[in-house]
Amino acid sequence: SFLRITAGFVLGFLSAVLLSFLGFFLPFLHRLISPVLT
């Protein structure tokens, strides 16, 4: 359980870092993915 949940957390963290920086520099991308994240 620990390895699986930690793996999910790490994947979520890395994806969030990448997408948030891309969304910050590319405002259209932020608007595009915001509904999905909601």
PDB file of all heavy atoms in Angstrom:
ATOM      1  N   SER A   1       0.826  -1.216   0.000  1.00  0.00           N
ATOM      2  CA  SER A   1       0.000   0.000   0.000  1.00  0.00           C
ATOM      3  C   SER A   1       0.853   1.257   0.000  1.00  0.00           C
ATOM      4  O   SER A   1       0.559   2.217  -0.726  1.00  0.00           O
ATOM      5  CB  SER A   1      -0.926   0.011   1.227  1.00  0.00           C
ATOM      6  OG  SER A   1      -1.931  -0.968   1.099  1.00  0.00           O
ATOM      7  N   PHE A   2       1.915   1.261   0.810  1.00  0.00           N
ATOM      8  CA  PHE A   2       2.758   2.459   0.906  1.00  0.00           C
ATOM      9  C   PHE A   2       3.417   2.784  -0.424  1.00  0.00           C
ATOM     10  O   PHE A   2       3.417   3.941  -0.862  1.00  0.00           O
ATOM     11  CB  PHE A   2       3.826   2.272   1.986  1.00  0.00           C
ATOM     12  CG  PHE A   2       4.719   3.458   2.165  1.00  0.00           C
ATOM     13  CD1 PHE A   2       4.277   4.569   2.858  1.00  0.00           C
ATOM     14  CD2 PHE A   2       6.004   3.482   1.636  1.00  0.00           C
ATOM     15  CE1 PHE A   2       5.095   5.683   3.013  1.00  0.00           C
ATOM     16  CE2 PHE A   2       6.830   4.580   1.799  1.00  0.00           C
ATOM     17  CZ  PHE A   2       6.363   5.683   2.493  1.00  0.00           C
ATOM     18  N   LEU A   3       3.960   1.771  -1.086  1.00  0.00           N
ATOM     19  CA  LEU A   3       4.640   2.018  -2.360  1.00  0.00           C
ATOM     20  C   LEU A   3       3.662   2.480  -3.430  1.00  0.00           C
ATOM     21  O   LEU A   3       3.969   3.378  -4.223  1.00  0.00           O
ATOM     22  CB  LEU A   3       5.376   0.759  -2.820  1.00  0.00           C
ATOM     23  CG  LEU A   3       6.598   0.353  -1.988  1.00  0.00           C
ATOM     24  CD1 LEU A   3       7.218  -0.927  -2.533  1.00  0.00           C
ATOM     25  CD2 LEU A   3       7.637   1.470  -1.962  1.00  0.00           C
ATOM     26  N   ARG A   4       2.476   1.882  -3.468  1.00  0.00           N
ATOM     27  CA  ARG A   4       1.499   2.266  -4.491  1.00  0.00           C
ATOM     28  C   ARG A   4       0.985   3.689  -4.263  1.00  0.00           C
ATOM     29  O   ARG A   4       0.919   4.486  -5.207  1.00  0.00           O
ATOM     30  CB  ARG A   4       0.324   1.275  -4.483  1.00  0.00           C
ATOM     31  CG  ARG A   4       0.684  -0.097  -5.033  1.00  0.00           C
ATOM     32  CD  ARG A   4      -0.497  -1.040  -4.960  1.00  0.00           C
ATOM     33  NE  ARG A   4      -0.139  -2.378  -5.428  1.00  0.00           N
ATOM     34  CZ  ARG A   4      -0.962  -3.425  -5.390  1.00  0.00           C
ATOM     35  NH1 ARG A   4      -2.191  -3.285  -4.915  1.00  0.00           N
ATOM     36  NH2 ARG A   4      -0.563  -4.610  -5.837  1.00  0.00           N
ATOM     37  N   ILE A   5       0.633   4.001  -3.025  1.00  0.00           N
ATOM     38  CA  ILE A   5       0.105   5.340  -2.742  1.00  0.00           C
ATOM     39  C   ILE A   5       1.195   6.390  -2.919  1.00  0.00           C
ATOM     40  O   ILE A   5       0.945   7.473  -3.464  1.00  0.00           O
ATOM     41  CB  ILE A   5      -0.496   5.390  -1.328  1.00  0.00           C
ATOM     42  CG1 ILE A   5      -1.731   4.486  -1.268  1.00  0.00           C
ATOM     43  CG2 ILE A   5      -0.873   6.813  -0.941  1.00  0.00           C
ATOM     44  CD1 ILE A   5      -2.296   4.299   0.124  1.00  0.00           C
ATOM     45  N   THR A   6       2.402   6.072  -2.476  1.00  0.00           N
ATOM     46  CA  THR A   6       3.521   7.004  -2.658  1.00  0.00           C
ATOM     47  C   THR A   6       3.806   7.231  -4.135  1.00  0.00           C
ATOM     48  O   THR A   6       4.078   8.360  -4.561  1.00  0.00           O
ATOM     49  CB  THR A   6       4.786   6.478  -1.958  1.00  0.00           C
ATOM     50  OG1 THR A   6       4.517   6.288  -0.563  1.00  0.00           O
ATOM     51  CG2 THR A   6       5.935   7.460  -2.108  1.00  0.00           C
ATOM     52  N   ALA A   7       3.738   6.163  -4.927  1.00  0.00           N
ATOM     53  CA  ALA A   7       3.949   6.301  -6.374  1.00  0.00           C
ATOM     54  C   ALA A   7       2.904   7.224  -6.981  1.00  0.00           C
ATOM     55  O   ALA A   7       3.225   8.086  -7.814  1.00  0.00           O
ATOM     56  CB  ALA A   7       3.892   4.929  -7.043  1.00  0.00           C
ATOM     57  N   GLY A   8       1.652   7.070  -6.555  1.00  0.00           N
ATOM     58  CA  GLY A   8       0.593   7.952  -7.053  1.00  0.00           C
ATOM     59  C   GLY A   8       0.818   9.391  -6.649  1.00  0.00           C
ATOM     60  O   GLY A   8       0.621  10.318  -7.451  1.00  0.00           O
ATOM     61  N   PHE A   9       1.278   9.583  -5.404  1.00  0.00           N
ATOM     62  CA  PHE A   9       1.559  10.940  -4.927  1.00  0.00           C
ATOM     63  C   PHE A   9       2.705  11.567  -5.720  1.00  0.00           C
ATOM     64  O   PHE A   9       2.619  12.735  -6.129  1.00  0.00           O
ATOM     65  CB  PHE A   9       1.908  10.918  -3.434  1.00  0.00           C
ATOM     66  CG  PHE A   9       2.386  12.227  -2.911  1.00  0.00           C
ATOM     67  CD1 PHE A   9       1.490  13.221  -2.565  1.00  0.00           C
ATOM     68  CD2 PHE A   9       3.746  12.487  -2.784  1.00  0.00           C
ATOM     69  CE1 PHE A   9       1.933  14.452  -2.098  1.00  0.00           C
ATOM     70  CE2 PHE A   9       4.198  13.712  -2.318  1.00  0.00           C
ATOM     71  CZ  PHE A   9       3.287  14.692  -1.968  1.00  0.00           C
ATOM     72  N   VAL A  10       3.777  10.809  -5.926  1.00  0.00           N
ATOM     73  CA  VAL A  10       4.945  11.335  -6.655  1.00  0.00           C
ATOM     74  C   VAL A  10       4.562  11.681  -8.096  1.00  0.00           C
ATOM     75  O   VAL A  10       4.949  12.734  -8.618  1.00  0.00           O
ATOM     76  CB  VAL A  10       6.109  10.322  -6.629  1.00  0.00           C
ATOM     77  CG1 VAL A  10       7.234  10.772  -7.557  1.00  0.00           C
ATOM     78  CG2 VAL A  10       6.636  10.161  -5.205  1.00  0.00           C
ATOM     79  N   LEU A  11       3.789  10.812  -8.745  1.00  0.00           N
ATOM     80  CA  LEU A  11       3.333  11.098 -10.107  1.00  0.00           C
ATOM     81  C   LEU A  11       2.472  12.361 -10.145  1.00  0.00           C
ATOM     82  O   LEU A  11       2.613  13.201 -11.041  1.00  0.00           O
ATOM     83  CB  LEU A  11       2.534   9.912 -10.650  1.00  0.00           C
ATOM     84  CG  LEU A  11       3.325   8.681 -11.074  1.00  0.00           C
ATOM     85  CD1 LEU A  11       2.378   7.538 -11.425  1.00  0.00           C
ATOM     86  CD2 LEU A  11       4.232   8.998 -12.255  1.00  0.00           C
ATOM     87  N   GLY A  12       1.589  12.486  -9.148  1.00  0.00           N
ATOM     88  CA  GLY A  12       0.749  13.677  -9.072  1.00  0.00           C
ATOM     89  C   GLY A  12       1.559  14.932  -8.828  1.00  0.00           C
ATOM     90  O   GLY A  12       1.299  15.987  -9.424  1.00  0.00           O
ATOM     91  N   PHE A  13       2.566  14.822  -7.970  1.00  0.00           N
ATOM     92  CA  PHE A  13       3.423  15.968  -7.657  1.00  0.00           C
ATOM     93  C   PHE A  13       4.203  16.429  -8.892  1.00  0.00           C
ATOM     94  O   PHE A  13       4.211  17.622  -9.235  1.00  0.00           O
ATOM     95  CB  PHE A  13       4.392  15.596  -6.537  1.00  0.00           C
ATOM     96  CG  PHE A  13       5.466  16.609  -6.292  1.00  0.00           C
ATOM     97  CD1 PHE A  13       5.203  17.769  -5.586  1.00  0.00           C
ATOM     98  CD2 PHE A  13       6.757  16.408  -6.772  1.00  0.00           C
ATOM     99  CE1 PHE A  13       6.188  18.713  -5.361  1.00  0.00           C
ATOM    100  CE2 PHE A  13       7.749  17.347  -6.560  1.00  0.00           C
ATOM    101  CZ  PHE A  13       7.463  18.508  -5.851  1.00  0.00           C
ATOM    102  N   LEU A  14       4.855  15.484  -9.565  1.00  0.00           N
ATOM    103  CA  LEU A  14       5.655  15.837 -10.749  1.00  0.00           C
ATOM    104  C   LEU A  14       4.770  16.419 -11.855  1.00  0.00           C
ATOM    105  O   LEU A  14       5.149  17.395 -12.512  1.00  0.00           O
ATOM    106  CB  LEU A  14       6.402  14.604 -11.254  1.00  0.00           C
ATOM    107  CG  LEU A  14       7.475  14.032 -10.313  1.00  0.00           C
ATOM    108  CD1 LEU A  14       8.078  12.762 -10.906  1.00  0.00           C
ATOM    109  CD2 LEU A  14       8.566  15.056 -10.037  1.00  0.00           C
ATOM    110  N   SER A  15       3.603  15.819 -12.045  1.00  0.00           N
ATOM    111  CA  SER A  15       2.678  16.327 -13.065  1.00  0.00           C
ATOM    112  C   SER A  15       2.191  17.725 -12.709  1.00  0.00           C
ATOM    113  O   SER A  15       2.067  18.592 -13.581  1.00  0.00           O
ATOM    114  CB  SER A  15       1.485  15.380 -13.211  1.00  0.00           C
ATOM    115  OG  SER A  15       1.899  14.096 -13.590  1.00  0.00           O
ATOM    116  N   ALA A  16       1.917  17.944 -11.410  1.00  0.00           N
ATOM    117  CA  ALA A  16       1.435  19.257 -10.971  1.00  0.00           C
ATOM    118  C   ALA A  16       2.503  20.330 -11.167  1.00  0.00           C
ATOM    119  O   ALA A  16       2.201  21.450 -11.599  1.00  0.00           O
ATOM    120  CB  ALA A  16       1.018  19.190  -9.504  1.00  0.00           C
ATOM    121  N   VAL A  17       3.749  20.005 -10.854  1.00  0.00           N
ATOM    122  CA  VAL A  17       4.845  20.966 -11.044  1.00  0.00           C
ATOM    123  C   VAL A  17       4.981  21.322 -12.519  1.00  0.00           C
ATOM    124  O   VAL A  17       5.044  22.509 -12.890  1.00  0.00           O
ATOM    125  CB  VAL A  17       6.172  20.386 -10.503  1.00  0.00           C
ATOM    126  CG1 VAL A  17       7.343  21.297 -10.894  1.00  0.00           C
ATOM    127  CG2 VAL A  17       6.121  20.237  -8.990  1.00  0.00           C
ATOM    128  N   LEU A  18       5.011  20.302 -13.375  1.00  0.00           N
ATOM    129  CA  LEU A  18       5.177  20.542 -14.808  1.00  0.00           C
ATOM    130  C   LEU A  18       4.009  21.354 -15.376  1.00  0.00           C
ATOM    131  O   LEU A  18       4.208  22.375 -16.058  1.00  0.00           O
ATOM    132  CB  LEU A  18       5.281  19.199 -15.536  1.00  0.00           C
ATOM    133  CG  LEU A  18       5.378  19.269 -17.066  1.00  0.00           C
ATOM    134  CD1 LEU A  18       6.629  20.034 -17.490  1.00  0.00           C
ATOM    135  CD2 LEU A  18       5.378  17.871 -17.670  1.00  0.00           C
ATOM    136  N   LEU A  19       2.785  20.932 -15.068  1.00  0.00           N
ATOM    137  CA  LEU A  19       1.614  21.595 -15.631  1.00  0.00           C
ATOM    138  C   LEU A  19       1.437  23.014 -15.085  1.00  0.00           C
ATOM    139  O   LEU A  19       1.019  23.918 -15.817  1.00  0.00           O
ATOM    140  CB  LEU A  19       0.358  20.771 -15.347  1.00  0.00           C
ATOM    141  CG  LEU A  19       0.219  19.467 -16.142  1.00  0.00           C
ATOM    142  CD1 LEU A  19      -0.987  18.685 -15.664  1.00  0.00           C
ATOM    143  CD2 LEU A  19       0.115  19.753 -17.637  1.00  0.00           C
ATOM    144  N   SER A  20       1.743  23.221 -13.809  1.00  0.00           N
ATOM    145  CA  SER A  20       1.566  24.556 -13.228  1.00  0.00           C
ATOM    146  C   SER A  20       2.539  25.560 -13.835  1.00  0.00           C
ATOM    147  O   SER A  20       2.163  26.707 -14.123  1.00  0.00           O
ATOM    148  CB  SER A  20       1.736  24.509 -11.708  1.00  0.00           C
ATOM    149  OG  SER A  20       3.013  24.025 -11.354  1.00  0.00           O
ATOM    150  N   PHE A  21       3.784  25.147 -14.073  1.00  0.00           N
ATOM    151  CA  PHE A  21       4.748  26.048 -14.712  1.00  0.00           C
ATOM    152  C   PHE A  21       4.353  26.308 -16.167  1.00  0.00           C
ATOM    153  O   PHE A  21       4.428  27.452 -16.634  1.00  0.00           O
ATOM    154  CB  PHE A  21       6.157  25.457 -14.633  1.00  0.00           C
ATOM    155  CG  PHE A  21       6.884  25.811 -13.365  1.00  0.00           C
ATOM    156  CD1 PHE A  21       6.719  25.050 -12.224  1.00  0.00           C
ATOM    157  CD2 PHE A  21       7.715  26.912 -13.301  1.00  0.00           C
ATOM    158  CE1 PHE A  21       7.382  25.360 -11.041  1.00  0.00           C
ATOM    159  CE2 PHE A  21       8.389  27.254 -12.135  1.00  0.00           C
ATOM    160  CZ  PHE A  21       8.216  26.467 -10.998  1.00  0.00           C
ATOM    161  N   LEU A  22       3.908  25.247 -16.856  1.00  0.00           N
ATOM    162  CA  LEU A  22       3.463  25.446 -18.239  1.00  0.00           C
ATOM    163  C   LEU A  22       2.224  26.335 -18.281  1.00  0.00           C
ATOM    164  O   LEU A  22       2.097  27.218 -19.142  1.00  0.00           O
ATOM    165  CB  LEU A  22       3.159  24.092 -18.888  1.00  0.00           C
ATOM    166  CG  LEU A  22       4.359  23.199 -19.216  1.00  0.00           C
ATOM    167  CD1 LEU A  22       3.886  21.853 -19.733  1.00  0.00           C
ATOM    168  CD2 LEU A  22       5.277  23.875 -20.244  1.00  0.00           C
ATOM    169  N   GLY A  23       1.315  26.118 -17.336  1.00  0.00           N
ATOM    170  CA  GLY A  23       0.100  26.935 -17.283  1.00  0.00           C
ATOM    171  C   GLY A  23       0.388  28.385 -16.948  1.00  0.00           C
ATOM    172  O   GLY A  23      -0.317  29.290 -17.417  1.00  0.00           O
ATOM    173  N   PHE A  24       1.433  28.600 -16.152  1.00  0.00           N
ATOM    174  CA  PHE A  24       1.806  29.967 -15.794  1.00  0.00           C
ATOM    175  C   PHE A  24       2.389  30.713 -16.993  1.00  0.00           C
ATOM    176  O   PHE A  24       2.058  31.876 -17.239  1.00  0.00           O
ATOM    177  CB  PHE A  24       2.808  29.940 -14.644  1.00  0.00           C
ATOM    178  CG  PHE A  24       3.321  31.294 -14.239  1.00  0.00           C
ATOM    179  CD1 PHE A  24       2.505  32.183 -13.559  1.00  0.00           C
ATOM    180  CD2 PHE A  24       4.613  31.682 -14.559  1.00  0.00           C
ATOM    181  CE1 PHE A  24       2.977  33.439 -13.183  1.00  0.00           C
ATOM    182  CE2 PHE A  24       5.092  32.933 -14.193  1.00  0.00           C
ATOM    183  CZ  PHE A  24       4.273  33.811 -13.505  1.00  0.00           C
ATOM    184  N   PHE A  25       3.254  30.023 -17.750  1.00  0.00           N
ATOM    185  CA  PHE A  25       3.889  30.670 -18.899  1.00  0.00           C
ATOM    186  C   PHE A  25       2.990  30.661 -20.132  1.00  0.00           C
ATOM    187  O   PHE A  25       3.178  31.481 -21.043  1.00  0.00           O
ATOM    188  CB  PHE A  25       5.220  29.980 -19.219  1.00  0.00           C
ATOM    189  CG  PHE A  25       6.295  30.235 -18.203  1.00  0.00           C
ATOM    190  CD1 PHE A  25       6.756  29.212 -17.381  1.00  0.00           C
ATOM    191  CD2 PHE A  25       6.833  31.501 -18.044  1.00  0.00           C
ATOM    192  CE1 PHE A  25       7.738  29.442 -16.434  1.00  0.00           C
ATOM    193  CE2 PHE A  25       7.825  31.741 -17.089  1.00  0.00           C
ATOM    194  CZ  PHE A  25       8.272  30.712 -16.281  1.00  0.00           C
ATOM    195  N   LEU A  26       2.030  29.738 -20.165  1.00  0.00           N
ATOM    196  CA  LEU A  26       1.090  29.651 -21.297  1.00  0.00           C
ATOM    197  C   LEU A  26      -0.332  29.750 -20.746  1.00  0.00           C
ATOM    198  O   LEU A  26      -0.969  28.728 -20.469  1.00  0.00           O
ATOM    199  CB  LEU A  26       1.282  28.328 -22.056  1.00  0.00           C
ATOM    200  CG  LEU A  26       2.692  28.032 -22.590  1.00  0.00           C
ATOM    201  CD1 LEU A  26       2.780  26.602 -23.107  1.00  0.00           C
ATOM    202  CD2 LEU A  26       3.053  29.027 -23.685  1.00  0.00           C
ATOM    203  N   PRO A  27      -0.853  30.960 -20.582  1.00  0.00           N
ATOM    204  CA  PRO A  27      -2.177  31.156 -19.972  1.00  0.00           C
ATOM    205  C   PRO A  27      -3.298  30.361 -20.644  1.00  0.00           C
ATOM    206  O   PRO A  27      -4.226  29.903 -19.967  1.00  0.00           O
ATOM    207  CB  PRO A  27      -2.407  32.665 -20.116  1.00  0.00           C
ATOM    208  CG  PRO A  27      -1.031  33.250 -20.177  1.00  0.00           C
ATOM    209  CD  PRO A  27      -0.200  32.237 -20.907  1.00  0.00           C
ATOM    210  N   PHE A  28      -3.201  30.189 -21.963  1.00  0.00           N
ATOM    211  CA  PHE A  28      -4.254  29.426 -22.644  1.00  0.00           C
ATOM    212  C   PHE A  28      -4.288  27.981 -22.153  1.00  0.00           C
ATOM    213  O   PHE A  28      -5.367  27.384 -22.000  1.00  0.00           O
ATOM    214  CB  PHE A  28      -4.032  29.451 -24.158  1.00  0.00           C
ATOM    215  CG  PHE A  28      -5.012  28.584 -24.911  1.00  0.00           C
ATOM    216  CD1 PHE A  28      -6.334  28.986 -25.077  1.00  0.00           C
ATOM    217  CD2 PHE A  28      -4.616  27.352 -25.433  1.00  0.00           C
ATOM    218  CE1 PHE A  28      -7.243  28.183 -25.750  1.00  0.00           C
ATOM    219  CE2 PHE A  28      -5.524  26.554 -26.101  1.00  0.00           C
ATOM    220  CZ  PHE A  28      -6.838  26.966 -26.262  1.00  0.00           C
ATOM    221  N   LEU A  29      -3.113  27.412 -21.894  1.00  0.00           N
ATOM    222  CA  LEU A  29      -3.047  26.040 -21.383  1.00  0.00           C
ATOM    223  C   LEU A  29      -3.712  25.948 -20.011  1.00  0.00           C
ATOM    224  O   LEU A  29      -4.425  24.982 -19.718  1.00  0.00           O
ATOM    225  CB  LEU A  29      -1.595  25.569 -21.301  1.00  0.00           C
ATOM    226  CG  LEU A  29      -1.379  24.158 -20.726  1.00  0.00           C
ATOM    227  CD1 LEU A  29      -2.035  23.122 -21.637  1.00  0.00           C
ATOM    228  CD2 LEU A  29       0.110  23.859 -20.573  1.00  0.00           C
ATOM    229  N   HIS A  30      -3.483  26.974 -19.189  1.00  0.00           N
ATOM    230  CA  HIS A  30      -4.124  27.002 -17.866  1.00  0.00           C
ATOM    231  C   HIS A  30      -5.648  26.998 -18.005  1.00  0.00           C
ATOM    232  O   HIS A  30      -6.347  26.244 -17.308  1.00  0.00           O
ATOM    233  CB  HIS A  30      -3.664  28.237 -17.095  1.00  0.00           C
ATOM    234  CG  HIS A  30      -4.419  28.472 -15.830  1.00  0.00           C
ATOM    235  ND1 HIS A  30      -4.297  27.661 -14.725  1.00  0.00           N
ATOM    236  CD2 HIS A  30      -5.339  29.431 -15.507  1.00  0.00           C
ATOM    237  CE1 HIS A  30      -5.102  28.100 -13.764  1.00  0.00           C
ATOM    238  NE2 HIS A  30      -5.739  29.180 -14.217  1.00  0.00           N
ATOM    239  N   ARG A  31      -6.157  27.828 -18.901  1.00  0.00           N
ATOM    240  CA  ARG A  31      -7.613  27.875 -19.113  1.00  0.00           C
ATOM    241  C   ARG A  31      -8.129  26.560 -19.704  1.00  0.00           C
ATOM    242  O   ARG A  31      -9.252  26.132 -19.404  1.00  0.00           O
ATOM    243  CB  ARG A  31      -7.970  29.044 -20.032  1.00  0.00           C
ATOM    244  CG  ARG A  31      -7.688  30.415 -19.418  1.00  0.00           C
ATOM    245  CD  ARG A  31      -8.329  31.525 -20.236  1.00  0.00           C
ATOM    246  NE  ARG A  31      -7.751  31.636 -21.568  1.00  0.00           N
ATOM    247  CZ  ARG A  31      -6.679  32.366 -21.853  1.00  0.00           C
ATOM    248  NH1 ARG A  31      -6.073  33.069 -20.901  1.00  0.00           N
ATOM    249  NH2 ARG A  31      -6.223  32.440 -23.094  1.00  0.00           N
ATOM    250  N   LEU A  32      -7.294  25.919 -20.517  1.00  0.00           N
ATOM    251  CA  LEU A  32      -7.695  24.675 -21.170  1.00  0.00           C
ATOM    252  C   LEU A  32      -7.840  23.520 -20.181  1.00  0.00           C
ATOM    253  O   LEU A  32      -8.803  22.745 -20.251  1.00  0.00           O
ATOM    254  CB  LEU A  32      -6.671  24.310 -22.249  1.00  0.00           C
ATOM    255  CG  LEU A  32      -6.955  23.052 -23.077  1.00  0.00           C
ATOM    256  CD1 LEU A  32      -8.197  23.256 -23.941  1.00  0.00           C
ATOM    257  CD2 LEU A  32      -5.745  22.700 -23.935  1.00  0.00           C
ATOM    258  N   ILE A  33      -6.897  23.407 -19.247  1.00  0.00           N
ATOM    259  CA  ILE A  33      -6.909  22.252 -18.338  1.00  0.00           C
ATOM    260  C   ILE A  33      -7.665  22.520 -17.037  1.00  0.00           C
ATOM    261  O   ILE A  33      -7.947  21.578 -16.296  1.00  0.00           O
ATOM    262  CB  ILE A  33      -5.474  21.792 -18.010  1.00  0.00           C
ATOM    263  CG1 ILE A  33      -4.714  22.899 -17.245  1.00  0.00           C
ATOM    264  CG2 ILE A  33      -4.727  21.394 -19.270  1.00  0.00           C
ATOM    265  CD1 ILE A  33      -3.321  22.476 -16.823  1.00  0.00           C
ATOM    266  N   SER A  34      -8.005  23.780 -16.771  1.00  0.00           N
ATOM    267  CA  SER A  34      -8.707  24.106 -15.524  1.00  0.00           C
ATOM    268  C   SER A  34     -10.014  23.334 -15.343  1.00  0.00           C
ATOM    269  O   SER A  34     -10.292  22.833 -14.241  1.00  0.00           O
ATOM    270  CB  SER A  34      -8.965  25.610 -15.434  1.00  0.00           C
ATOM    271  OG  SER A  34      -7.773  26.309 -15.194  1.00  0.00           O
ATOM    272  N   PRO A  35     -10.866  23.194 -16.386  1.00  0.00           N
ATOM    273  CA  PRO A  35     -12.102  22.417 -16.191  1.00  0.00           C
ATOM    274  C   PRO A  35     -11.844  20.958 -15.814  1.00  0.00           C
ATOM    275  O   PRO A  35     -12.558  20.386 -14.988  1.00  0.00           O
ATOM    276  CB  PRO A  35     -12.795  22.520 -17.558  1.00  0.00           C
ATOM    277  CG  PRO A  35     -12.232  23.750 -18.177  1.00  0.00           C
ATOM    278  CD  PRO A  35     -10.811  23.818 -17.717  1.00  0.00           C
ATOM    279  N   VAL A  36     -10.806  20.366 -16.417  1.00  0.00           N
ATOM    280  CA  VAL A  36     -10.472  18.969 -16.110  1.00  0.00           C
ATOM    281  C   VAL A  36     -10.033  18.837 -14.659  1.00  0.00           C
ATOM    282  O   VAL A  36     -10.447  17.917 -13.935  1.00  0.00           O
ATOM    283  CB  VAL A  36      -9.364  18.456 -17.052  1.00  0.00           C
ATOM    284  CG1 VAL A  36      -8.977  17.025 -16.683  1.00  0.00           C
ATOM    285  CG2 VAL A  36      -9.807  18.533 -18.490  1.00  0.00           C
ATOM    286  N   LEU A  37      -9.190  19.774 -14.207  1.00  0.00           N
ATOM    287  CA  LEU A  37      -8.715  19.741 -12.825  1.00  0.00           C
ATOM    288  C   LEU A  37      -9.862  19.976 -11.844  1.00  0.00           C
ATOM    289  O   LEU A  37      -9.889  19.388 -10.763  1.00  0.00           O
ATOM    290  CB  LEU A  37      -7.616  20.790 -12.633  1.00  0.00           C
ATOM    291  CG  LEU A  37      -6.330  20.552 -13.430  1.00  0.00           C
ATOM    292  CD1 LEU A  37      -5.389  21.738 -13.290  1.00  0.00           C
ATOM    293  CD2 LEU A  37      -5.634  19.281 -12.974  1.00  0.00           C
ATOM    294  N   THR A  38     -10.797  20.812 -12.217  1.00  0.00           N
ATOM    295  CA  THR A  38     -11.964  21.054 -11.366  1.00  0.00           C
ATOM    296  C   THR A  38     -12.794  19.783 -11.219  1.00  0.00           C
ATOM    297  O   THR A  38     -13.255  19.448 -10.121  1.00  0.00           O
ATOM    298  CB  THR A  38     -12.837  22.180 -11.952  1.00  0.00           C
ATOM    299  OG1 THR A  38     -12.066  23.375 -12.027  1.00  0.00           O
ATOM    300  CG2 THR A  38     -14.061  22.419 -11.076  1.00  0.00           C
TER     301      THR A  38
END
